[in-house]
Amino acid sequence: MPIEYKKNLAVFSDISTVEEAESLLEWLQNKPLTKKIDLLACTHMHPANLQVLMAQKSSIAAWPKDANLRAWLESALKVE
């Protein structure tokens, strides 16, 4: 499973596809105050998932190991 949902943390692993976007949005909407995202093991993210993270203003607990993916996500999520 590309996204594992824990109590207050969504953990991405490997490739997150468009199929995960709806469940990600639902999980984030049901956790309005405690929405943390762990991207450490993420190797690719479908833009639909990125749009969900952007719209929900998600807090990133861990960035991807891959430098290119990290740079892309940081710029999209407006991290300075």
C-alpha atoms as a PDB file:
ATOM      1  CA  MET A   1       0.000   0.000   0.000  1.00  0.00           C
ATOM      2  CA  PRO A   2       1.580   3.295  -1.100  1.00  0.00           C
ATOM      3  CA  ILE A   3       0.080   5.271   1.813  1.00  0.00           C
ATOM      4  CA  GLU A   4      -0.262   3.841   5.305  1.00  0.00           C
ATOM      5  CA  TYR A   5      -2.547   5.777   7.606  1.00  0.00           C
ATOM      6  CA  LYS A   6      -1.663   5.872  11.253  1.00  0.00           C
ATOM      7  CA  LYS A   7      -3.430   7.834  13.983  1.00  0.00           C
ATOM      8  CA  ASN A   8      -1.889  11.220  13.135  1.00  0.00           C
ATOM      9  CA  LEU A   9       0.507  10.386  10.312  1.00  0.00           C
ATOM     10  CA  ALA A  10       0.178   9.368   6.675  1.00  0.00           C
ATOM     11  CA  VAL A  11       3.279   7.472   5.576  1.00  0.00           C
ATOM     12  CA  PHE A  12       3.991   7.400   1.837  1.00  0.00           C
ATOM     13  CA  SER A  13       6.100   4.581   0.415  1.00  0.00           C
ATOM     14  CA  ASP A  14       7.332   3.948  -3.102  1.00  0.00           C
ATOM     15  CA  ILE A  15       4.934   5.276  -5.750  1.00  0.00           C
ATOM     16  CA  SER A  16       1.684   7.023  -4.832  1.00  0.00           C
ATOM     17  CA  THR A  17      -0.823   6.807  -7.670  1.00  0.00           C
ATOM     18  CA  VAL A  18      -3.982   8.689  -8.560  1.00  0.00           C
ATOM     19  CA  GLU A  19      -6.019   5.979  -6.828  1.00  0.00           C
ATOM     20  CA  GLU A  20      -4.785   7.151  -3.400  1.00  0.00           C
ATOM     21  CA  ALA A  21      -5.851  10.792  -3.804  1.00  0.00           C
ATOM     22  CA  GLU A  22      -9.446  10.360  -2.659  1.00  0.00           C
ATOM     23  CA  SER A  23      -8.569   8.383   0.474  1.00  0.00           C
ATOM     24  CA  LEU A  24      -5.767  10.855   1.272  1.00  0.00           C
ATOM     25  CA  LEU A  25      -8.185  13.776   1.016  1.00  0.00           C
ATOM     26  CA  GLU A  26     -10.726  11.997   3.208  1.00  0.00           C
ATOM     27  CA  TRP A  27      -8.104  11.161   5.850  1.00  0.00           C
ATOM     28  CA  LEU A  28      -6.807  14.736   5.926  1.00  0.00           C
ATOM     29  CA  GLN A  29     -10.309  16.184   6.195  1.00  0.00           C
ATOM     30  CA  ASN A  30     -11.060  13.894   9.138  1.00  0.00           C
ATOM     31  CA  LYS A  31      -7.833  14.936  10.904  1.00  0.00           C
ATOM     32  CA  PRO A  32      -7.954  18.739  10.628  1.00  0.00           C
ATOM     33  CA  LEU A  33      -5.580  19.515  13.501  1.00  0.00           C
ATOM     34  CA  THR A  34      -3.190  16.597  13.297  1.00  0.00           C
ATOM     35  CA  LYS A  35      -2.340  16.118   9.661  1.00  0.00           C
ATOM     36  CA  LYS A  36       1.306  15.121   9.301  1.00  0.00           C
ATOM     37  CA  ILE A  37       2.816  13.570   6.212  1.00  0.00           C
ATOM     38  CA  ASP A  38       5.890  11.325   6.084  1.00  0.00           C
ATOM     39  CA  LEU A  39       7.384  11.259   2.576  1.00  0.00           C
ATOM     40  CA  LEU A  40      10.765   9.714   3.449  1.00  0.00           C
ATOM     41  CA  ALA A  41      10.231   6.494   1.459  1.00  0.00           C
ATOM     42  CA  CYS A  42       8.217   8.106  -1.357  1.00  0.00           C
ATOM     43  CA  THR A  43       9.865   7.722  -4.767  1.00  0.00           C
ATOM     44  CA  HIS A  44       7.132   9.214  -6.980  1.00  0.00           C
ATOM     45  CA  MET A  45       3.936  11.145  -6.309  1.00  0.00           C
ATOM     46  CA  HIS A  46       1.046  11.487  -8.718  1.00  0.00           C
ATOM     47  CA  PRO A  47       0.077  15.165  -9.130  1.00  0.00           C
ATOM     48  CA  ALA A  48      -3.410  14.433  -7.760  1.00  0.00           C
ATOM     49  CA  ASN A  49      -1.852  13.580  -4.389  1.00  0.00           C
ATOM     50  CA  LEU A  50       0.280  16.707  -4.535  1.00  0.00           C
ATOM     51  CA  GLN A  51      -2.848  18.784  -5.192  1.00  0.00           C
ATOM     52  CA  VAL A  52      -4.499  17.269  -2.120  1.00  0.00           C
ATOM     53  CA  LEU A  53      -1.469  18.105   0.033  1.00  0.00           C
ATOM     54  CA  MET A  54      -1.395  21.655  -1.338  1.00  0.00           C
ATOM     55  CA  ALA A  55      -5.126  22.233  -0.821  1.00  0.00           C
ATOM     56  CA  GLN A  56      -5.075  20.864   2.712  1.00  0.00           C
ATOM     57  CA  LYS A  57      -1.887  22.762   3.643  1.00  0.00           C
ATOM     58  CA  SER A  58      -0.394  19.594   5.049  1.00  0.00           C
ATOM     59  CA  SER A  59       2.505  19.585   7.460  1.00  0.00           C
ATOM     60  CA  ILE A  60       5.437  17.485   6.257  1.00  0.00           C
ATOM     61  CA  ALA A  61       7.074  15.421   8.994  1.00  0.00           C
ATOM     62  CA  ALA A  62       9.753  13.929   6.709  1.00  0.00           C
ATOM     63  CA  TRP A  63      10.818  14.787   3.156  1.00  0.00           C
ATOM     64  CA  PRO A  64      11.754  12.208   0.478  1.00  0.00           C
ATOM     65  CA  LYS A  65      15.304  10.868   0.365  1.00  0.00           C
ATOM     66  CA  ASP A  66      15.451  11.548  -3.386  1.00  0.00           C
ATOM     67  CA  ALA A  67      16.862  15.068  -3.801  1.00  0.00           C
ATOM     68  CA  ASN A  68      15.006  15.824  -7.044  1.00  0.00           C
ATOM     69  CA  LEU A  69      11.646  14.720  -5.681  1.00  0.00           C
ATOM     70  CA  ARG A  70      12.272  16.630  -2.473  1.00  0.00           C
ATOM     71  CA  ALA A  71      13.120  19.833  -4.361  1.00  0.00           C
ATOM     72  CA  TRP A  72      10.018  19.482  -6.541  1.00  0.00           C
ATOM     73  CA  LEU A  73       7.744  18.903  -3.550  1.00  0.00           C
ATOM     74  CA  GLU A  74       9.302  21.665  -1.456  1.00  0.00           C
ATOM     75  CA  SER A  75       8.807  24.182  -4.255  1.00  0.00           C
ATOM     76  CA  ALA A  76       5.223  23.047  -4.859  1.00  0.00           C
ATOM     77  CA  LEU A  77       4.390  23.121  -1.164  1.00  0.00           C
ATOM     78  CA  LYS A  78       6.078  26.534  -0.723  1.00  0.00           C
ATOM     79  CA  VAL A  79       8.727  25.465   1.782  1.00  0.00           C
ATOM     80  CA  GLU A  80      11.556  27.949   2.260  1.00  0.00           C
END
